[in-house]
Amino acid sequence: MSEKDLEAYQVTQQQLQLLLLQKQQLKIQSEEINNALNELKKITEKEKVYKIVGPILIEVNKDEIIKELNEKNETINSRIEILEKQEDRLRKNLAELGKILEKELKEEE
C-alpha cells in the first residue's frame, strides 16, 4: 500500500471533518438568527428592541435589525451552499482514494 495514497486519504478525511464542523456551526448560527427573527415578529412597533454590541446593549430600530439579520442569514446560507459543494468534492475524492487503497490492498494479498 502506498504511503502517499494513505496519507492523502487521511488528509482528505480530516478536511471533510473540519468542513462538516464549519457547516454545523453555520447552521446553528442560521437557526439562532431565525429564532431571533421569529421573536421580532411577535413584538409591536411600540416595544423597544436592543442589540448586543460588545459588552453593551444598544437600542435599535426593529425594521433595521430585521434587515440586518436577514442579510446576515443570507450570507450564512451562501457560505453553507459553498461548503456543501466542497463537501461533495471531498466525498468524491475520498471515495476515489478509498478505491485506490482497496485495490492496492488486494494486490498485496
N, C-alpha and C. Protein backbone atom coordinates (compact mmCIF):
# COMPACT_ATOMS: atom_id res chain seq x y z
N MET A 1 0.85 -1.18 0.00
CA MET A 1 0.00 0.00 0.00
C MET A 1 0.90 1.24 0.00
N SER A 2 0.55 2.17 -0.83
CA SER A 2 1.34 3.39 -0.98
C SER A 2 1.10 4.32 0.22
N GLU A 3 2.20 4.73 0.82
CA GLU A 3 2.12 5.69 1.94
C GLU A 3 1.48 7.00 1.48
N LYS A 4 1.80 7.38 0.26
CA LYS A 4 1.28 8.62 -0.30
C LYS A 4 -0.24 8.58 -0.41
N ASP A 5 -0.77 7.47 -0.91
CA ASP A 5 -2.23 7.33 -1.05
C ASP A 5 -2.91 7.29 0.31
N LEU A 6 -2.31 6.60 1.25
CA LEU A 6 -2.88 6.51 2.60
C LEU A 6 -2.88 7.88 3.26
N GLU A 7 -1.79 8.61 3.10
CA GLU A 7 -1.71 9.96 3.66
C GLU A 7 -2.74 10.89 3.02
N ALA A 8 -2.90 10.80 1.72
CA ALA A 8 -3.88 11.62 1.01
C ALA A 8 -5.29 11.30 1.51
N TYR A 9 -5.57 10.03 1.74
CA TYR A 9 -6.88 9.62 2.26
C TYR A 9 -7.13 10.22 3.64
N GLN A 10 -6.12 10.13 4.51
CA GLN A 10 -6.27 10.66 5.86
C GLN A 10 -6.43 12.18 5.86
N VAL A 11 -5.67 12.87 5.03
CA VAL A 11 -5.76 14.33 4.94
C VAL A 11 -7.15 14.74 4.43
N THR A 12 -7.64 14.03 3.43
CA THR A 12 -8.97 14.32 2.89
C THR A 12 -10.05 14.08 3.94
N GLN A 13 -9.88 13.02 4.71
CA GLN A 13 -10.83 12.73 5.80
C GLN A 13 -10.84 13.86 6.82
N GLN A 14 -9.67 14.35 7.18
CA GLN A 14 -9.57 15.45 8.16
C GLN A 14 -10.20 16.72 7.59
N GLN A 15 -9.96 16.99 6.31
CA GLN A 15 -10.55 18.18 5.68
C GLN A 15 -12.07 18.09 5.70
N LEU A 16 -12.59 16.90 5.43
CA LEU A 16 -14.04 16.70 5.43
C LEU A 16 -14.60 16.92 6.83
N GLN A 17 -13.92 16.40 7.84
CA GLN A 17 -14.39 16.58 9.22
C GLN A 17 -14.43 18.06 9.61
N LEU A 18 -13.38 18.81 9.25
CA LEU A 18 -13.34 20.24 9.54
C LEU A 18 -14.45 20.99 8.81
N LEU A 19 -14.65 20.62 7.56
CA LEU A 19 -15.69 21.26 6.77
C LEU A 19 -17.07 21.00 7.37
N LEU A 20 -17.31 19.76 7.79
CA LEU A 20 -18.60 19.42 8.40
C LEU A 20 -18.82 20.18 9.70
N LEU A 21 -17.75 20.38 10.45
CA LEU A 21 -17.84 21.16 11.69
C LEU A 21 -18.20 22.62 11.38
N GLN A 22 -17.54 23.20 10.37
CA GLN A 22 -17.85 24.57 9.97
C GLN A 22 -19.31 24.69 9.53
N LYS A 23 -19.75 23.72 8.75
CA LYS A 23 -21.13 23.74 8.25
C LYS A 23 -22.12 23.65 9.41
N GLN A 24 -21.83 22.81 10.37
CA GLN A 24 -22.70 22.66 11.54
C GLN A 24 -22.77 23.97 12.32
N GLN A 25 -21.63 24.63 12.51
CA GLN A 25 -21.61 25.91 13.23
C GLN A 25 -22.42 26.97 12.50
N LEU A 26 -22.31 27.01 11.18
CA LEU A 26 -23.07 27.98 10.40
C LEU A 26 -24.57 27.70 10.48
N LYS A 27 -24.94 26.43 10.47
CA LYS A 27 -26.36 26.07 10.57
C LYS A 27 -26.92 26.48 11.94
N ILE A 28 -26.12 26.35 12.97
CA ILE A 28 -26.54 26.78 14.31
C ILE A 28 -26.74 28.29 14.32
N GLN A 29 -25.81 29.04 13.72
CA GLN A 29 -25.94 30.50 13.65
C GLN A 29 -27.21 30.89 12.89
N SER A 30 -27.47 30.20 11.79
CA SER A 30 -28.67 30.48 10.99
C SER A 30 -29.93 30.20 11.80
N GLU A 31 -29.92 29.12 12.55
CA GLU A 31 -31.07 28.78 13.39
C GLU A 31 -31.30 29.84 14.47
N GLU A 32 -30.22 30.33 15.06
CA GLU A 32 -30.33 31.38 16.08
C GLU A 32 -30.90 32.67 15.48
N ILE A 33 -30.47 32.99 14.28
CA ILE A 33 -30.98 34.18 13.60
C ILE A 33 -32.47 34.02 13.30
N ASN A 34 -32.85 32.83 12.81
CA ASN A 34 -34.27 32.58 12.54
C ASN A 34 -35.11 32.68 13.80
N ASN A 35 -34.58 32.19 14.92
CA ASN A 35 -35.29 32.31 16.19
C ASN A 35 -35.47 33.78 16.58
N ALA A 36 -34.42 34.57 16.40
CA ALA A 36 -34.49 36.00 16.72
C ALA A 36 -35.51 36.69 15.82
N LEU A 37 -35.52 36.35 14.53
CA LEU A 37 -36.48 36.94 13.61
C LEU A 37 -37.91 36.59 13.99
N ASN A 38 -38.12 35.35 14.41
CA ASN A 38 -39.46 34.93 14.85
C ASN A 38 -39.91 35.71 16.08
N GLU A 39 -38.99 35.94 17.00
CA GLU A 39 -39.33 36.71 18.20
C GLU A 39 -39.64 38.16 17.84
N LEU A 40 -38.89 38.71 16.89
CA LEU A 40 -39.12 40.09 16.47
C LEU A 40 -40.50 40.27 15.83
N LYS A 41 -40.99 39.22 15.18
CA LYS A 41 -42.32 39.28 14.57
C LYS A 41 -43.42 39.41 15.63
N LYS A 42 -43.14 38.92 16.82
CA LYS A 42 -44.13 38.89 17.89
C LYS A 42 -44.31 40.23 18.60
N ILE A 43 -43.34 41.11 18.47
CA ILE A 43 -43.41 42.36 19.23
C ILE A 43 -44.04 43.48 18.40
N THR A 44 -44.61 44.42 19.10
CA THR A 44 -45.25 45.56 18.43
C THR A 44 -44.21 46.64 18.14
N GLU A 45 -44.60 47.60 17.34
CA GLU A 45 -43.71 48.71 16.99
C GLU A 45 -43.41 49.59 18.20
N LYS A 46 -44.29 49.58 19.19
CA LYS A 46 -44.10 50.41 20.38
C LYS A 46 -43.03 49.84 21.32
N GLU A 47 -42.84 48.54 21.25
CA GLU A 47 -41.86 47.90 22.14
C GLU A 47 -40.44 48.19 21.66
N LYS A 48 -39.53 48.31 22.60
CA LYS A 48 -38.13 48.61 22.28
C LYS A 48 -37.39 47.32 21.93
N VAL A 49 -36.42 47.46 21.04
CA VAL A 49 -35.58 46.34 20.63
C VAL A 49 -34.14 46.74 20.91
N TYR A 50 -33.38 45.80 21.45
CA TYR A 50 -31.97 46.05 21.77
C TYR A 50 -31.10 45.01 21.09
N LYS A 51 -29.87 45.42 20.86
CA LYS A 51 -28.89 44.52 20.25
C LYS A 51 -27.62 44.59 21.09
N ILE A 52 -26.97 43.47 21.24
CA ILE A 52 -25.71 43.42 21.99
C ILE A 52 -24.57 43.81 21.06
N VAL A 53 -23.81 44.81 21.48
CA VAL A 53 -22.62 45.24 20.75
C VAL A 53 -21.48 45.23 21.76
N GLY A 54 -20.63 44.23 21.63
CA GLY A 54 -19.57 44.08 22.63
C GLY A 54 -20.19 43.85 23.99
N PRO A 55 -19.77 44.61 24.99
CA PRO A 55 -20.31 44.39 26.34
C PRO A 55 -21.55 45.23 26.67
N ILE A 56 -22.12 45.93 25.67
CA ILE A 56 -23.27 46.79 25.97
C ILE A 56 -24.48 46.46 25.10
N LEU A 57 -25.63 46.89 25.57
CA LEU A 57 -26.87 46.79 24.80
C LEU A 57 -27.18 48.14 24.20
N ILE A 58 -27.58 48.13 22.93
CA ILE A 58 -27.92 49.37 22.24
C ILE A 58 -29.34 49.24 21.70
N GLU A 59 -30.13 50.29 21.90
CA GLU A 59 -31.48 50.29 21.35
C GLU A 59 -31.38 50.45 19.83
N VAL A 60 -32.15 49.63 19.10
CA VAL A 60 -32.12 49.68 17.64
C VAL A 60 -33.54 49.73 17.09
N ASN A 61 -33.65 50.17 15.86
CA ASN A 61 -34.92 50.19 15.16
C ASN A 61 -35.27 48.76 14.75
N LYS A 62 -36.50 48.34 15.00
CA LYS A 62 -36.93 46.97 14.72
C LYS A 62 -36.72 46.61 13.25
N ASP A 63 -37.15 47.48 12.34
CA ASP A 63 -37.02 47.19 10.91
C ASP A 63 -35.56 47.07 10.48
N GLU A 64 -34.71 47.93 11.04
CA GLU A 64 -33.28 47.88 10.68
C GLU A 64 -32.63 46.59 11.15
N ILE A 65 -32.98 46.14 12.36
CA ILE A 65 -32.37 44.92 12.87
C ILE A 65 -32.90 43.70 12.11
N ILE A 66 -34.16 43.75 11.69
CA ILE A 66 -34.70 42.65 10.88
C ILE A 66 -33.95 42.57 9.55
N LYS A 67 -33.72 43.74 8.93
CA LYS A 67 -32.98 43.79 7.67
C LYS A 67 -31.56 43.25 7.87
N GLU A 68 -30.93 43.69 8.94
CA GLU A 68 -29.55 43.26 9.24
C GLU A 68 -29.49 41.74 9.45
N LEU A 69 -30.44 41.21 10.20
CA LEU A 69 -30.46 39.76 10.47
C LEU A 69 -30.73 38.96 9.19
N ASN A 70 -31.63 39.47 8.35
CA ASN A 70 -31.91 38.78 7.09
C ASN A 70 -30.68 38.75 6.19
N GLU A 71 -29.96 39.87 6.13
CA GLU A 71 -28.74 39.94 5.32
C GLU A 71 -27.67 38.98 5.86
N LYS A 72 -27.54 38.96 7.18
CA LYS A 72 -26.56 38.06 7.80
C LYS A 72 -26.93 36.60 7.51
N ASN A 73 -28.22 36.30 7.57
CA ASN A 73 -28.68 34.93 7.32
C ASN A 73 -28.43 34.54 5.85
N GLU A 74 -28.63 35.48 4.93
CA GLU A 74 -28.36 35.21 3.52
C GLU A 74 -26.88 34.89 3.30
N THR A 75 -26.02 35.66 3.96
CA THR A 75 -24.58 35.42 3.85
C THR A 75 -24.22 34.04 4.40
N ILE A 76 -24.79 33.70 5.53
CA ILE A 76 -24.52 32.39 6.14
C ILE A 76 -25.01 31.28 5.22
N ASN A 77 -26.20 31.43 4.67
CA ASN A 77 -26.73 30.39 3.79
C ASN A 77 -25.90 30.24 2.52
N SER A 78 -25.35 31.33 2.02
CA SER A 78 -24.45 31.26 0.86
C SER A 78 -23.18 30.48 1.22
N ARG A 79 -22.66 30.76 2.40
CA ARG A 79 -21.46 30.04 2.85
C ARG A 79 -21.75 28.55 3.04
N ILE A 80 -22.95 28.23 3.53
CA ILE A 80 -23.33 26.83 3.70
C ILE A 80 -23.39 26.14 2.33
N GLU A 81 -23.94 26.82 1.33
CA GLU A 81 -24.00 26.24 -0.02
C GLU A 81 -22.61 25.96 -0.56
N ILE A 82 -21.69 26.90 -0.35
CA ILE A 82 -20.31 26.71 -0.80
C ILE A 82 -19.69 25.52 -0.10
N LEU A 83 -19.91 25.42 1.21
CA LEU A 83 -19.36 24.29 1.97
C LEU A 83 -19.95 22.97 1.50
N GLU A 84 -21.23 22.97 1.13
CA GLU A 84 -21.85 21.73 0.65
C GLU A 84 -21.24 21.28 -0.68
N LYS A 85 -20.89 22.24 -1.54
CA LYS A 85 -20.22 21.89 -2.80
C LYS A 85 -18.83 21.32 -2.51
N GLN A 86 -18.13 21.94 -1.58
CA GLN A 86 -16.81 21.43 -1.20
C GLN A 86 -16.93 20.05 -0.57
N GLU A 87 -17.98 19.86 0.22
CA GLU A 87 -18.22 18.56 0.85
C GLU A 87 -18.41 17.48 -0.21
N ASP A 88 -19.19 17.78 -1.24
CA ASP A 88 -19.41 16.81 -2.32
C ASP A 88 -18.09 16.44 -2.99
N ARG A 89 -17.26 17.45 -3.28
CA ARG A 89 -15.96 17.17 -3.91
C ARG A 89 -15.08 16.31 -3.01
N LEU A 90 -15.05 16.65 -1.72
CA LEU A 90 -14.22 15.88 -0.79
C LEU A 90 -14.71 14.44 -0.67
N ARG A 91 -16.02 14.26 -0.62
CA ARG A 91 -16.58 12.90 -0.53
C ARG A 91 -16.22 12.09 -1.78
N LYS A 92 -16.28 12.72 -2.96
CA LYS A 92 -15.90 12.02 -4.19
C LYS A 92 -14.42 11.66 -4.17
N ASN A 93 -13.59 12.61 -3.74
CA ASN A 93 -12.15 12.33 -3.64
C ASN A 93 -11.89 11.20 -2.66
N LEU A 94 -12.60 11.22 -1.55
CA LEU A 94 -12.44 10.18 -0.53
C LEU A 94 -12.83 8.82 -1.10
N ALA A 95 -13.91 8.77 -1.84
CA ALA A 95 -14.36 7.51 -2.45
C ALA A 95 -13.32 7.00 -3.45
N GLU A 96 -12.79 7.90 -4.26
CA GLU A 96 -11.76 7.51 -5.24
C GLU A 96 -10.51 7.00 -4.54
N LEU A 97 -10.07 7.72 -3.52
CA LEU A 97 -8.88 7.29 -2.77
C LEU A 97 -9.13 5.96 -2.08
N GLY A 98 -10.35 5.77 -1.57
CA GLY A 98 -10.70 4.50 -0.93
C GLY A 98 -10.61 3.35 -1.91
N LYS A 99 -11.07 3.56 -3.14
CA LYS A 99 -10.99 2.51 -4.17
C LYS A 99 -9.54 2.18 -4.50
N ILE A 100 -8.72 3.23 -4.59
CA ILE A 100 -7.29 3.02 -4.88
C ILE A 100 -6.65 2.20 -3.76
N LEU A 101 -6.93 2.59 -2.52
CA LEU A 101 -6.35 1.86 -1.38
C LEU A 101 -6.84 0.41 -1.34
N GLU A 102 -8.12 0.22 -1.62
CA GLU A 102 -8.68 -1.13 -1.63
C GLU A 102 -8.02 -1.98 -2.70
N LYS A 103 -7.83 -1.39 -3.88
CA LYS A 103 -7.17 -2.11 -4.98
C LYS A 103 -5.74 -2.47 -4.60
N GLU A 104 -5.02 -1.54 -3.98
CA GLU A 104 -3.65 -1.80 -3.57
C GLU A 104 -3.59 -2.90 -2.52
N LEU A 105 -4.56 -2.92 -1.62
CA LEU A 105 -4.59 -3.98 -0.60
C LEU A 105 -4.81 -5.35 -1.22
N LYS A 106 -5.70 -5.42 -2.20
CA LYS A 106 -5.97 -6.69 -2.87
C LYS A 106 -4.75 -7.18 -3.64
N GLU A 107 -4.01 -6.23 -4.23
CA GLU A 107 -2.81 -6.58 -4.99
C GLU A 107 -1.71 -7.10 -4.09
N GLU A 108 -1.68 -6.64 -2.84
CA GLU A 108 -0.66 -7.08 -1.88
C GLU A 108 -0.92 -8.51 -1.41
N GLU A 109 -2.17 -8.95 -1.46
CA GLU A 109 -2.52 -10.29 -0.94
C GLU A 109 -2.03 -11.39 -1.80
